[in-house]
Amino acid sequence: MTDSYNGNATSASIPPAAIFQHWIHSREEDTSDLEVFRPEEFAFPPSFGRDGFEMRRNGQFIQDDIGPADGIVHVLGRWTLLSPRNVAVSFPGTARESYSFEIVSVDKLALQIRRQEQSSR
C-alpha cells in the first residue's frame, strides 16, 4: 500500500499506512464537513491548545484532548476498521464518547476526515 490515500483502497482490513503517526488538528483549515490534521512538525499558527490523536498498528488509539490550562490530556482507546475508509474509535472504561470517521484523504503531510458521532459502547 502506498503512503497516500484518496479513498480508493481495496483492503477492508488495513488502513492507509500514512495514517500511523501523531496527528494534530489544524482547525484553521477545516471546512464545513471536513476536519484537517497535520503532523506535529507542521508550523501551526499560535493557538490555545490543539486536540489530536495517534493510531497505532496494534489497534491502540491515543486521543489528545485539550485539558486544563490548554494542556493535553491523553485518553487511551481502541480503533477498528469498519470499511476501507471508515474507522470506529472506542474508549472502554472511560467517560469519553466513541465516534467514527471517514478517511477522506491522507498522506504523510495531511489527513482529512469526516467525523460522525456514535453512541457509547
PDB file of N, CA and C in Angstrom:
ATOM      1  N   MET A   1       0.845  -1.179   0.000  1.00  0.00           N
ATOM      2  CA  MET A   1       0.000   0.000   0.000  1.00  0.00           C
ATOM      3  C   MET A   1       0.886   1.236   0.000  1.00  0.00           C
ATOM      4  N   THR A   2       0.486   2.259  -0.700  1.00  0.00           N
ATOM      5  CA  THR A   2       1.281   3.471  -0.796  1.00  0.00           C
ATOM      6  C   THR A   2       1.098   4.328   0.448  1.00  0.00           C
ATOM      7  N   ASP A   3       1.881   5.390   0.545  1.00  0.00           N
ATOM      8  CA  ASP A   3       1.773   6.294   1.678  1.00  0.00           C
ATOM      9  C   ASP A   3       0.737   7.379   1.480  1.00  0.00           C
ATOM     10  N   SER A   4       0.044   7.386   0.362  1.00  0.00           N
ATOM     11  CA  SER A   4      -1.030   8.359   0.186  1.00  0.00           C
ATOM     12  C   SER A   4      -2.328   7.615  -0.065  1.00  0.00           C
ATOM     13  N   TYR A   5      -3.427   8.290   0.183  1.00  0.00           N
ATOM     14  CA  TYR A   5      -4.733   7.645   0.091  1.00  0.00           C
ATOM     15  C   TYR A   5      -5.755   8.691  -0.292  1.00  0.00           C
ATOM     16  N   ASN A   6      -6.572   8.371  -1.266  1.00  0.00           N
ATOM     17  CA  ASN A   6      -7.611   9.308  -1.680  1.00  0.00           C
ATOM     18  C   ASN A   6      -8.982   8.652  -1.694  1.00  0.00           C
ATOM     19  N   GLY A   7      -9.167   7.629  -0.867  1.00  0.00           N
ATOM     20  CA  GLY A   7     -10.458   6.970  -0.762  1.00  0.00           C
ATOM     21  C   GLY A   7     -10.619   5.784  -1.679  1.00  0.00           C
ATOM     22  N   ASN A   8      -9.566   5.322  -2.337  1.00  0.00           N
ATOM     23  CA  ASN A   8      -9.672   4.230  -3.297  1.00  0.00           C
ATOM     24  C   ASN A   8      -9.007   2.939  -2.828  1.00  0.00           C
ATOM     25  N   ALA A   9      -8.856   2.725  -1.531  1.00  0.00           N
ATOM     26  CA  ALA A   9      -8.225   1.498  -1.036  1.00  0.00           C
ATOM     27  C   ALA A   9      -9.111   0.297  -1.333  1.00  0.00           C
ATOM     28  N   THR A  10      -8.484  -0.869  -1.447  1.00  0.00           N
ATOM     29  CA  THR A  10      -9.255  -2.073  -1.745  1.00  0.00           C
ATOM     30  C   THR A  10      -9.293  -3.054  -0.578  1.00  0.00           C
ATOM     31  N   SER A  11      -8.440  -2.903   0.413  1.00  0.00           N
ATOM     32  CA  SER A  11      -8.428  -3.832   1.539  1.00  0.00           C
ATOM     33  C   SER A  11      -9.242  -3.271   2.700  1.00  0.00           C
ATOM     34  N   ALA A  12     -10.188  -4.066   3.208  1.00  0.00           N
ATOM     35  CA  ALA A  12     -11.010  -3.617   4.332  1.00  0.00           C
ATOM     36  C   ALA A  12     -10.355  -3.912   5.671  1.00  0.00           C
ATOM     37  N   SER A  13      -9.185  -4.551   5.670  1.00  0.00           N
ATOM     38  CA  SER A  13      -8.567  -4.924   6.937  1.00  0.00           C
ATOM     39  C   SER A  13      -7.354  -4.089   7.302  1.00  0.00           C
ATOM     40  N   ILE A  14      -6.877  -3.250   6.390  1.00  0.00           N
ATOM     41  CA  ILE A  14      -5.679  -2.452   6.647  1.00  0.00           C
ATOM     42  C   ILE A  14      -5.937  -1.002   6.241  1.00  0.00           C
ATOM     43  N   PRO A  15      -5.829  -0.068   7.193  1.00  0.00           N
ATOM     44  CA  PRO A  15      -5.989   1.338   6.813  1.00  0.00           C
ATOM     45  C   PRO A  15      -4.752   1.827   6.056  1.00  0.00           C
ATOM     46  N   PRO A  16      -4.826   2.982   5.425  1.00  0.00           N
ATOM     47  CA  PRO A  16      -3.671   3.525   4.720  1.00  0.00           C
ATOM     48  C   PRO A  16      -2.478   3.681   5.659  1.00  0.00           C
ATOM     49  N   ALA A  17      -1.294   3.288   5.205  1.00  0.00           N
ATOM     50  CA  ALA A  17      -0.090   3.319   6.039  1.00  0.00           C
ATOM     51  C   ALA A  17       0.222   4.712   6.571  1.00  0.00           C
ATOM     52  N   ALA A  18      -0.074   5.744   5.800  1.00  0.00           N
ATOM     53  CA  ALA A  18       0.259   7.113   6.203  1.00  0.00           C
ATOM     54  C   ALA A  18      -0.486   7.566   7.450  1.00  0.00           C
ATOM     55  N   ILE A  19      -1.556   6.875   7.825  1.00  0.00           N
ATOM     56  CA  ILE A  19      -2.333   7.316   8.990  1.00  0.00           C
ATOM     57  C   ILE A  19      -1.632   7.005  10.310  1.00  0.00           C
ATOM     58  N   PHE A  20      -0.640   6.129  10.291  1.00  0.00           N
ATOM     59  CA  PHE A  20       0.018   5.707  11.528  1.00  0.00           C
ATOM     60  C   PHE A  20       1.098   6.693  11.951  1.00  0.00           C
ATOM     61  N   GLN A  21       0.660   7.829  12.459  1.00  0.00           N
ATOM     62  CA  GLN A  21       1.541   8.840  13.043  1.00  0.00           C
ATOM     63  C   GLN A  21       0.706   9.702  13.975  1.00  0.00           C
ATOM     64  N   HIS A  22       1.343  10.617  14.649  1.00  0.00           N
ATOM     65  CA  HIS A  22       0.649  11.517  15.564  1.00  0.00           C
ATOM     66  C   HIS A  22       0.110  12.695  14.758  1.00  0.00           C
ATOM     67  N   TRP A  23      -1.209  12.904  14.816  1.00  0.00           N
ATOM     68  CA  TRP A  23      -1.881  13.955  14.064  1.00  0.00           C
ATOM     69  C   TRP A  23      -2.397  15.037  15.003  1.00  0.00           C
ATOM     70  N   ILE A  24      -2.220  16.300  14.611  1.00  0.00           N
ATOM     71  CA  ILE A  24      -2.695  17.441  15.394  1.00  0.00           C
ATOM     72  C   ILE A  24      -3.701  18.212  14.559  1.00  0.00           C
ATOM     73  N   HIS A  25      -4.796  18.604  15.183  1.00  0.00           N
ATOM     74  CA  HIS A  25      -5.899  19.271  14.492  1.00  0.00           C
ATOM     75  C   HIS A  25      -5.469  20.665  14.015  1.00  0.00           C
ATOM     76  N   SER A  26      -5.581  20.881  12.739  1.00  0.00           N
ATOM     77  CA  SER A  26      -5.294  22.177  12.127  1.00  0.00           C
ATOM     78  C   SER A  26      -6.631  22.842  11.805  1.00  0.00           C
ATOM     79  N   ARG A  27      -7.339  23.230  12.848  1.00  0.00           N
ATOM     80  CA  ARG A  27      -8.726  23.673  12.692  1.00  0.00           C
ATOM     81  C   ARG A  27      -8.878  24.883  11.778  1.00  0.00           C
ATOM     82  N   GLU A  28      -7.800  25.637  11.574  1.00  0.00           N
ATOM     83  CA  GLU A  28      -7.857  26.773  10.652  1.00  0.00           C
ATOM     84  C   GLU A  28      -8.130  26.318   9.214  1.00  0.00           C
ATOM     85  N   GLU A  29      -7.827  25.057   8.932  1.00  0.00           N
ATOM     86  CA  GLU A  29      -8.012  24.518   7.583  1.00  0.00           C
ATOM     87  C   GLU A  29      -9.312  23.721   7.429  1.00  0.00           C
ATOM     88  N   ASP A  30     -10.071  23.553   8.518  1.00  0.00           N
ATOM     89  CA  ASP A  30     -11.330  22.814   8.463  1.00  0.00           C
ATOM     90  C   ASP A  30     -12.307  23.466   7.485  1.00  0.00           C
ATOM     91  N   THR A  31     -13.178  22.650   6.929  1.00  0.00           N
ATOM     92  CA  THR A  31     -14.292  23.153   6.129  1.00  0.00           C
ATOM     93  C   THR A  31     -15.574  22.795   6.867  1.00  0.00           C
ATOM     94  N   SER A  32     -16.710  23.040   6.267  1.00  0.00           N
ATOM     95  CA  SER A  32     -17.974  22.776   6.964  1.00  0.00           C
ATOM     96  C   SER A  32     -18.167  21.305   7.316  1.00  0.00           C
ATOM     97  N   ASP A  33     -17.588  20.388   6.527  1.00  0.00           N
ATOM     98  CA  ASP A  33     -17.782  18.965   6.834  1.00  0.00           C
ATOM     99  C   ASP A  33     -16.487  18.172   6.976  1.00  0.00           C
ATOM    100  N   LEU A  34     -15.339  18.795   6.833  1.00  0.00           N
ATOM    101  CA  LEU A  34     -14.056  18.085   6.950  1.00  0.00           C
ATOM    102  C   LEU A  34     -13.192  18.674   8.053  1.00  0.00           C
ATOM    103  N   GLU A  35     -12.515  17.792   8.785  1.00  0.00           N
ATOM    104  CA  GLU A  35     -11.508  18.210   9.755  1.00  0.00           C
ATOM    105  C   GLU A  35     -10.148  17.902   9.151  1.00  0.00           C
ATOM    106  N   VAL A  36      -9.204  18.816   9.349  1.00  0.00           N
ATOM    107  CA  VAL A  36      -7.865  18.667   8.788  1.00  0.00           C
ATOM    108  C   VAL A  36      -6.869  18.498   9.935  1.00  0.00           C
ATOM    109  N   PHE A  37      -5.985  17.522   9.777  1.00  0.00           N
ATOM    110  CA  PHE A  37      -4.939  17.246  10.758  1.00  0.00           C
ATOM    111  C   PHE A  37      -3.591  17.285  10.060  1.00  0.00           C
ATOM    112  N   ARG A  38      -2.567  17.684  10.807  1.00  0.00           N
ATOM    113  CA  ARG A  38      -1.208  17.761  10.294  1.00  0.00           C
ATOM    114  C   ARG A  38      -0.273  17.053  11.279  1.00  0.00           C
ATOM    115  N   PRO A  39       0.908  16.610  10.800  1.00  0.00           N
ATOM    116  CA  PRO A  39       1.896  16.035  11.718  1.00  0.00           C
ATOM    117  C   PRO A  39       2.403  17.096  12.696  1.00  0.00           C
ATOM    118  N   GLU A  40       2.923  16.656  13.828  1.00  0.00           N
ATOM    119  CA  GLU A  40       3.343  17.618  14.849  1.00  0.00           C
ATOM    120  C   GLU A  40       4.467  18.525  14.393  1.00  0.00           C
ATOM    121  N   GLU A  41       5.211  18.171  13.342  1.00  0.00           N
ATOM    122  CA  GLU A  41       6.302  19.010  12.837  1.00  0.00           C
ATOM    123  C   GLU A  41       5.787  20.205  12.039  1.00  0.00           C
ATOM    124  N   PHE A  42       4.503  20.221  11.693  1.00  0.00           N
ATOM    125  CA  PHE A  42       3.914  21.290  10.896  1.00  0.00           C
ATOM    126  C   PHE A  42       4.025  22.624  11.635  1.00  0.00           C
ATOM    127  N   ALA A  43       4.221  23.706  10.906  1.00  0.00           N
ATOM    128  CA  ALA A  43       4.348  25.044  11.503  1.00  0.00           C
ATOM    129  C   ALA A  43       2.945  25.624  11.739  1.00  0.00           C
ATOM    130  N   PHE A  44       2.327  25.225  12.849  1.00  0.00           N
ATOM    131  CA  PHE A  44       0.996  25.708  13.189  1.00  0.00           C
ATOM    132  C   PHE A  44       1.054  27.165  13.639  1.00  0.00           C
ATOM    133  N   PRO A  45       0.014  27.947  13.338  1.00  0.00           N
ATOM    134  CA  PRO A  45      -0.046  29.297  13.916  1.00  0.00           C
ATOM    135  C   PRO A  45      -0.327  29.198  15.411  1.00  0.00           C
ATOM    136  N   PRO A  46      -0.056  30.251  16.161  1.00  0.00           N
ATOM    137  CA  PRO A  46      -0.328  30.228  17.598  1.00  0.00           C
ATOM    138  C   PRO A  46      -1.798  29.877  17.866  1.00  0.00           C
ATOM    139  N   SER A  47      -2.007  29.118  18.954  1.00  0.00           N
ATOM    140  CA  SER A  47      -3.359  28.669  19.285  1.00  0.00           C
ATOM    141  C   SER A  47      -3.434  28.316  20.762  1.00  0.00           C
ATOM    142  N   PHE A  48      -4.630  28.424  21.321  1.00  0.00           N
ATOM    143  CA  PHE A  48      -4.866  27.991  22.696  1.00  0.00           C
ATOM    144  C   PHE A  48      -5.201  26.508  22.690  1.00  0.00           C
ATOM    145  N   GLY A  49      -4.206  25.665  22.732  1.00  0.00           N
ATOM    146  CA  GLY A  49      -4.401  24.224  22.778  1.00  0.00           C
ATOM    147  C   GLY A  49      -4.888  23.645  21.463  1.00  0.00           C
ATOM    148  N   ARG A  50      -4.431  22.446  21.157  1.00  0.00           N
ATOM    149  CA  ARG A  50      -4.844  21.737  19.943  1.00  0.00           C
ATOM    150  C   ARG A  50      -5.096  20.278  20.294  1.00  0.00           C
ATOM    151  N   ASP A  51      -6.240  19.757  19.839  1.00  0.00           N
ATOM    152  CA  ASP A  51      -6.525  18.347  20.025  1.00  0.00           C
ATOM    153  C   ASP A  51      -5.845  17.556  18.911  1.00  0.00           C
ATOM    154  N   GLY A  52      -5.874  16.258  19.030  1.00  0.00           N
ATOM    155  CA  GLY A  52      -5.253  15.412  18.025  1.00  0.00           C
ATOM    156  C   GLY A  52      -5.411  13.952  18.408  1.00  0.00           C
ATOM    157  N   PHE A  53      -4.686  13.096  17.695  1.00  0.00           N
ATOM    158  CA  PHE A  53      -4.735  11.678  18.011  1.00  0.00           C
ATOM    159  C   PHE A  53      -3.584  10.951  17.348  1.00  0.00           C
ATOM    160  N   GLU A  54      -3.390   9.718  17.801  1.00  0.00           N
ATOM    161  CA  GLU A  54      -2.427   8.807  17.181  1.00  0.00           C
ATOM    162  C   GLU A  54      -3.073   7.436  17.074  1.00  0.00           C
ATOM    163  N   MET A  55      -3.031   6.881  15.875  1.00  0.00           N
ATOM    164  CA  MET A  55      -3.470   5.497  15.652  1.00  0.00           C
ATOM    165  C   MET A  55      -2.219   4.638  15.575  1.00  0.00           C
ATOM    166  N   ARG A  56      -2.209   3.543  16.318  1.00  0.00           N
ATOM    167  CA  ARG A  56      -1.086   2.614  16.261  1.00  0.00           C
ATOM    168  C   ARG A  56      -1.512   1.333  15.554  1.00  0.00           C
ATOM    169  N   ARG A  57      -0.578   0.690  14.911  1.00  0.00           N
ATOM    170  CA  ARG A  57      -0.867  -0.511  14.123  1.00  0.00           C
ATOM    171  C   ARG A  57      -1.474  -1.644  14.952  1.00  0.00           C
ATOM    172  N   ASN A  58      -1.212  -1.661  16.262  1.00  0.00           N
ATOM    173  CA  ASN A  58      -1.719  -2.731  17.124  1.00  0.00           C
ATOM    174  C   ASN A  58      -3.166  -2.517  17.577  1.00  0.00           C
ATOM    175  N   GLY A  59      -3.840  -1.488  17.047  1.00  0.00           N
ATOM    176  CA  GLY A  59      -5.223  -1.214  17.413  1.00  0.00           C
ATOM    177  C   GLY A  59      -5.391  -0.188  18.510  1.00  0.00           C
ATOM    178  N   GLN A  60      -4.283   0.268  19.094  1.00  0.00           N
ATOM    179  CA  GLN A  60      -4.370   1.281  20.135  1.00  0.00           C
ATOM    180  C   GLN A  60      -4.619   2.647  19.508  1.00  0.00           C
ATOM    181  N   PHE A  61      -5.426   3.449  20.196  1.00  0.00           N
ATOM    182  CA  PHE A  61      -5.752   4.804  19.766  1.00  0.00           C
ATOM    183  C   PHE A  61      -5.482   5.725  20.937  1.00  0.00           C
ATOM    184  N   ILE A  62      -4.767   6.806  20.723  1.00  0.00           N
ATOM    185  CA  ILE A  62      -4.492   7.776  21.783  1.00  0.00           C
ATOM    186  C   ILE A  62      -5.113   9.101  21.367  1.00  0.00           C
ATOM    187  N   GLN A  63      -6.153   9.493  22.083  1.00  0.00           N
ATOM    188  CA  GLN A  63      -6.853  10.756  21.819  1.00  0.00           C
ATOM    189  C   GLN A  63      -6.187  11.851  22.635  1.00  0.00           C
ATOM    190  N   ASP A  64      -5.844  12.952  22.009  1.00  0.00           N
ATOM    191  CA  ASP A  64      -5.302  14.123  22.696  1.00  0.00           C
ATOM    192  C   ASP A  64      -6.418  15.143  22.841  1.00  0.00           C
ATOM    193  N   ASP A  65      -6.949  15.287  24.053  1.00  0.00           N
ATOM    194  CA  ASP A  65      -7.985  16.278  24.323  1.00  0.00           C
ATOM    195  C   ASP A  65      -7.350  17.486  24.999  1.00  0.00           C
ATOM    196  N   ILE A  66      -7.934  18.646  24.785  1.00  0.00           N
ATOM    197  CA  ILE A  66      -7.447  19.858  25.437  1.00  0.00           C
ATOM    198  C   ILE A  66      -7.914  19.825  26.878  1.00  0.00           C
ATOM    199  N   GLY A  67      -6.962  19.947  27.790  1.00  0.00           N
ATOM    200  CA  GLY A  67      -7.264  19.874  29.212  1.00  0.00           C
ATOM    201  C   GLY A  67      -7.146  21.222  29.887  1.00  0.00           C
ATOM    202  N   PRO A  68      -7.045  21.199  31.204  1.00  0.00           N
ATOM    203  CA  PRO A  68      -6.919  22.435  31.971  1.00  0.00           C
ATOM    204  C   PRO A  68      -5.702  23.252  31.523  1.00  0.00           C
ATOM    205  N   ALA A  69      -5.859  24.546  31.515  1.00  0.00           N
ATOM    206  CA  ALA A  69      -4.786  25.481  31.157  1.00  0.00           C
ATOM    207  C   ALA A  69      -4.184  25.168  29.787  1.00  0.00           C
ATOM    208  N   ASP A  70      -5.033  24.700  28.867  1.00  0.00           N
ATOM    209  CA  ASP A  70      -4.627  24.384  27.492  1.00  0.00           C
ATOM    210  C   ASP A  70      -3.627  23.243  27.397  1.00  0.00           C
ATOM    211  N   GLY A  71      -3.489  22.475  28.467  1.00  0.00           N
ATOM    212  CA  GLY A  71      -2.623  21.291  28.412  1.00  0.00           C
ATOM    213  C   GLY A  71      -3.331  20.174  27.655  1.00  0.00           C
ATOM    214  N   ILE A  72      -2.599  19.105  27.396  1.00  0.00           N
ATOM    215  CA  ILE A  72      -3.149  17.964  26.669  1.00  0.00           C
ATOM    216  C   ILE A  72      -3.415  16.813  27.638  1.00  0.00           C
ATOM    217  N   VAL A  73      -4.597  16.220  27.503  1.00  0.00           N
ATOM    218  CA  VAL A  73      -4.973  15.042  28.279  1.00  0.00           C
ATOM    219  C   VAL A  73      -5.054  13.879  27.293  1.00  0.00           C
ATOM    220  N   HIS A  74      -4.291  12.815  27.560  1.00  0.00           N
ATOM    221  CA  HIS A  74      -4.286  11.635  26.687  1.00  0.00           C
ATOM    222  C   HIS A  74      -5.326  10.638  27.175  1.00  0.00           C
ATOM    223  N   VAL A  75      -6.219  10.224  26.275  1.00  0.00           N
ATOM    224  CA  VAL A  75      -7.244   9.243  26.598  1.00  0.00           C
ATOM    225  C   VAL A  75      -6.983   8.023  25.719  1.00  0.00           C
ATOM    226  N   LEU A  76      -6.740   6.872  26.368  1.00  0.00           N
ATOM    227  CA  LEU A  76      -6.429   5.653  25.628  1.00  0.00           C
ATOM    228  C   LEU A  76      -7.702   4.973  25.144  1.00  0.00           C
ATOM    229  N   GLY A  77      -7.643   4.503  23.913  1.00  0.00           N
ATOM    230  CA  GLY A  77      -8.784   3.819  23.329  1.00  0.00           C
ATOM    231  C   GLY A  77      -8.341   2.766  22.334  1.00  0.00           C
ATOM    232  N   ARG A  78      -9.294   2.306  21.531  1.00  0.00           N
ATOM    233  CA  ARG A  78      -9.055   1.286  20.502  1.00  0.00           C
ATOM    234  C   ARG A  78      -9.686   1.750  19.202  1.00  0.00           C
ATOM    235  N   TRP A  79      -9.085   1.393  18.088  1.00  0.00           N
ATOM    236  CA  TRP A  79      -9.692   1.666  16.787  1.00  0.00           C
ATOM    237  C   TRP A  79      -9.929   0.353  16.067  1.00  0.00           C
ATOM    238  N   THR A  80     -10.975   0.331  15.238  1.00  0.00           N
ATOM    239  CA  THR A  80     -11.257  -0.794  14.362  1.00  0.00           C
ATOM    240  C   THR A  80     -11.658  -0.231  13.007  1.00  0.00           C
ATOM    241  N   LEU A  81     -11.312  -0.959  11.982  1.00  0.00           N
ATOM    242  CA  LEU A  81     -11.648  -0.549  10.631  1.00  0.00           C
ATOM    243  C   LEU A  81     -13.007  -1.130  10.269  1.00  0.00           C
ATOM    244  N   LEU A  82     -13.952  -0.267   9.931  1.00  0.00           N
ATOM    245  CA  LEU A  82     -15.297  -0.698   9.555  1.00  0.00           C
ATOM    246  C   LEU A  82     -15.384  -1.019   8.070  1.00  0.00           C
ATOM    247  N   SER A  83     -14.601  -0.307   7.282  1.00  0.00           N
ATOM    248  CA  SER A  83     -14.528  -0.486   5.835  1.00  0.00           C
ATOM    249  C   SER A  83     -13.213   0.155   5.391  1.00  0.00           C
ATOM    250  N   PRO A  84     -12.844   0.070   4.134  1.00  0.00           N
ATOM    251  CA  PRO A  84     -11.548   0.607   3.714  1.00  0.00           C
ATOM    252  C   PRO A  84     -11.302   2.063   4.105  1.00  0.00           C
ATOM    253  N   ARG A  85     -12.362   2.843   4.294  1.00  0.00           N
ATOM    254  CA  ARG A  85     -12.145   4.249   4.624  1.00  0.00           C
ATOM    255  C   ARG A  85     -12.884   4.721   5.856  1.00  0.00           C
ATOM    256  N   ASN A  86     -13.447   3.803   6.648  1.00  0.00           N
ATOM    257  CA  ASN A  86     -14.188   4.179   7.851  1.00  0.00           C
ATOM    258  C   ASN A  86     -13.611   3.515   9.092  1.00  0.00           C
ATOM    259  N   VAL A  87     -13.332   4.343  10.099  1.00  0.00           N
ATOM    260  CA  VAL A  87     -12.701   3.904  11.337  1.00  0.00           C
ATOM    261  C   VAL A  87     -13.640   4.184  12.504  1.00  0.00           C
ATOM    262  N   ALA A  88     -13.798   3.193  13.387  1.00  0.00           N
ATOM    263  CA  ALA A  88     -14.551   3.373  14.627  1.00  0.00           C
ATOM    264  C   ALA A  88     -13.555   3.453  15.780  1.00  0.00           C
ATOM    265  N   VAL A  89     -13.783   4.389  16.692  1.00  0.00           N
ATOM    266  CA  VAL A  89     -12.908   4.589  17.844  1.00  0.00           C
ATOM    267  C   VAL A  89     -13.737   4.455  19.108  1.00  0.00           C
ATOM    268  N   SER A  90     -13.254   3.660  20.057  1.00  0.00           N
ATOM    269  CA  SER A  90     -13.946   3.499  21.335  1.00  0.00           C
ATOM    270  C   SER A  90     -12.954   3.700  22.472  1.00  0.00           C
ATOM    271  N   PHE A  91     -13.491   4.032  23.629  1.00  0.00           N
ATOM    272  CA  PHE A  91     -12.678   4.326  24.808  1.00  0.00           C
ATOM    273  C   PHE A  91     -13.201   3.531  26.002  1.00  0.00           C
ATOM    274  N   PRO A  92     -13.022   2.206  25.984  1.00  0.00           N
ATOM    275  CA  PRO A  92     -13.547   1.363  27.064  1.00  0.00           C
ATOM    276  C   PRO A  92     -13.037   1.803  28.434  1.00  0.00           C
ATOM    277  N   GLY A  93     -13.935   1.822  29.410  1.00  0.00           N
ATOM    278  CA  GLY A  93     -13.562   2.160  30.780  1.00  0.00           C
ATOM    279  C   GLY A  93     -13.364   3.643  31.029  1.00  0.00           C
ATOM    280  N   THR A  94     -13.753   4.496  30.068  1.00  0.00           N
ATOM    281  CA  THR A  94     -13.621   5.937  30.252  1.00  0.00           C
ATOM    282  C   THR A  94     -14.966   6.605  29.982  1.00  0.00           C
ATOM    283  N   ALA A  95     -15.052   7.877  30.309  1.00  0.00           N
ATOM    284  CA  ALA A  95     -16.261   8.651  30.042  1.00  0.00           C
ATOM    285  C   ALA A  95     -16.257   9.232  28.621  1.00  0.00           C
ATOM    286  N   ARG A  96     -15.154   9.094  27.924  1.00  0.00           N
ATOM    287  CA  ARG A  96     -15.031   9.647  26.559  1.00  0.00           C
ATOM    288  C   ARG A  96     -15.956   8.896  25.622  1.00  0.00           C
ATOM    289  N   GLU A  97     -16.732   9.633  24.816  1.00  0.00           N
ATOM    290  CA  GLU A  97     -17.671   9.007  23.885  1.00  0.00           C
ATOM    291  C   GLU A  97     -16.964   8.427  22.675  1.00  0.00           C
ATOM    292  N   SER A  98     -17.483   7.311  22.189  1.00  0.00           N
ATOM    293  CA  SER A  98     -16.990   6.692  20.959  1.00  0.00           C
ATOM    294  C   SER A  98     -17.375   7.554  19.773  1.00  0.00           C
ATOM    295  N   TYR A  99     -16.645   7.412  18.690  1.00  0.00           N
ATOM    296  CA  TYR A  99     -17.003   8.095  17.455  1.00  0.00           C
ATOM    297  C   TYR A  99     -16.438   7.326  16.281  1.00  0.00           C
ATOM    298  N   SER A 100     -16.833   7.714  15.096  1.00  0.00           N
ATOM    299  CA  SER A 100     -16.261   7.123  13.890  1.00  0.00           C
ATOM    300  C   SER A 100     -15.942   8.246  12.920  1.00  0.00           C
ATOM    301  N   PHE A 101     -15.062   7.939  11.979  1.00  0.00           N
ATOM    302  CA  PHE A 101     -14.746   8.925  10.963  1.00  0.00           C
ATOM    303  C   PHE A 101     -14.407   8.246   9.651  1.00  0.00           C
ATOM    304  N   GLU A 102     -14.625   8.986   8.589  1.00  0.00           N
ATOM    305  CA  GLU A 102     -14.266   8.561   7.245  1.00  0.00           C
ATOM    306  C   GLU A 102     -12.939   9.208   6.891  1.00  0.00           C
ATOM    307  N   ILE A 103     -12.003   8.413   6.394  1.00  0.00           N
ATOM    308  CA  ILE A 103     -10.733   8.948   5.905  1.00  0.00           C
ATOM    309  C   ILE A 103     -10.994   9.453   4.489  1.00  0.00           C
ATOM    310  N   VAL A 104     -11.031  10.750   4.328  1.00  0.00           N
ATOM    311  CA  VAL A 104     -11.287  11.349   3.020  1.00  0.00           C
ATOM    312  C   VAL A 104      -9.999  11.360   2.201  1.00  0.00           C
ATOM    313  N   SER A 105      -8.902  11.772   2.843  1.00  0.00           N
ATOM    314  CA  SER A 105      -7.588  11.713   2.197  1.00  0.00           C
ATOM    315  C   SER A 105      -6.513  11.713   3.270  1.00  0.00           C
ATOM    316  N   VAL A 106      -5.386  11.076   2.953  1.00  0.00           N
ATOM    317  CA  VAL A 106      -4.259  11.061   3.877  1.00  0.00           C
ATOM    318  C   VAL A 106      -2.967  10.832   3.099  1.00  0.00           C
ATOM    319  N   ASP A 107      -1.951  11.560   3.487  1.00  0.00           N
ATOM    320  CA  ASP A 107      -0.577  11.295   3.086  1.00  0.00           C
ATOM    321  C   ASP A 107       0.276  11.714   4.271  1.00  0.00           C
ATOM    322  N   LYS A 108       1.579  11.691   4.150  1.00  0.00           N
ATOM    323  CA  LYS A 108       2.393  11.971   5.333  1.00  0.00           C
ATOM    324  C   LYS A 108       2.345  13.434   5.771  1.00  0.00           C
ATOM    325  N   LEU A 109       1.738  14.323   4.969  1.00  0.00           N
ATOM    326  CA  LEU A 109       1.682  15.743   5.303  1.00  0.00           C
ATOM    327  C   LEU A 109       0.320  16.241   5.764  1.00  0.00           C
ATOM    328  N   ALA A 110      -0.748  15.503   5.466  1.00  0.00           N
ATOM    329  CA  ALA A 110      -2.084  15.970   5.841  1.00  0.00           C
ATOM    330  C   ALA A 110      -3.074  14.810   5.892  1.00  0.00           C
ATOM    331  N   LEU A 111      -4.040  14.939   6.794  1.00  0.00           N
ATOM    332  CA  LEU A 111      -5.134  13.996   6.935  1.00  0.00           C
ATOM    333  C   LEU A 111      -6.437  14.785   6.939  1.00  0.00           C
ATOM    334  N   GLN A 112      -7.401  14.371   6.116  1.00  0.00           N
ATOM    335  CA  GLN A 112      -8.731  14.958   6.122  1.00  0.00           C
ATOM    336  C   GLN A 112      -9.719  13.866   6.494  1.00  0.00           C
ATOM    337  N   ILE A 113     -10.564  14.176   7.496  1.00  0.00           N
ATOM    338  CA  ILE A 113     -11.571  13.211   7.927  1.00  0.00           C
ATOM    339  C   ILE A 113     -12.946  13.866   7.956  1.00  0.00           C
ATOM    340  N   ARG A 114     -13.960  13.023   7.861  1.00  0.00           N
ATOM    341  CA  ARG A 114     -15.345  13.440   8.056  1.00  0.00           C
ATOM    342  C   ARG A 114     -15.833  12.642   9.268  1.00  0.00           C
ATOM    343  N   ARG A 115     -16.151  13.325  10.355  1.00  0.00           N
ATOM    344  CA  ARG A 115     -16.484  12.663  11.622  1.00  0.00           C
ATOM    345  C   ARG A 115     -17.984  12.471  11.786  1.00  0.00           C
ATOM    346  N   GLN A 116     -18.344  11.334  12.437  1.00  0.00           N
ATOM    347  CA  GLN A 116     -19.729  11.069  12.807  1.00  0.00           C
ATOM    348  C   GLN A 116     -19.732  10.569  14.237  1.00  0.00           C
ATOM    349  N   GLU A 117     -20.546  11.190  15.064  1.00  0.00           N
ATOM    350  CA  GLU A 117     -20.667  10.775  16.462  1.00  0.00           C
ATOM    351  C   GLU A 117     -21.409   9.456  16.549  1.00  0.00           C
ATOM    352  N   GLN A 118     -21.092   8.661  17.550  1.00  0.00           N
ATOM    353  CA  GLN A 118     -21.760   7.381  17.803  1.00  0.00           C
ATOM    354  C   GLN A 118     -22.168   7.348  19.259  1.00  0.00           C
ATOM    355  N   SER A 119     -23.022   6.418  19.571  1.00  0.00           N
ATOM    356  CA  SER A 119     -23.356   6.212  20.977  1.00  0.00           C
ATOM    357  C   SER A 119     -22.202   5.509  21.666  1.00  0.00           C
ATOM    358  N   SER A 120     -22.092   5.655  22.969  1.00  0.00           N
ATOM    359  CA  SER A 120     -21.026   4.993  23.725  1.00  0.00           C
ATOM    360  C   SER A 120     -21.184   3.497  23.649  1.00  0.00           C
ATOM    361  N   ARG A 121     -20.041   2.796  23.650  1.00  0.00           N
ATOM    362  CA  ARG A 121     -20.058   1.335  23.604  1.00  0.00           C
ATOM    363  C   ARG A 121     -19.942   0.749  24.971  1.00  0.00           C
TER     364      ARG A 121
END
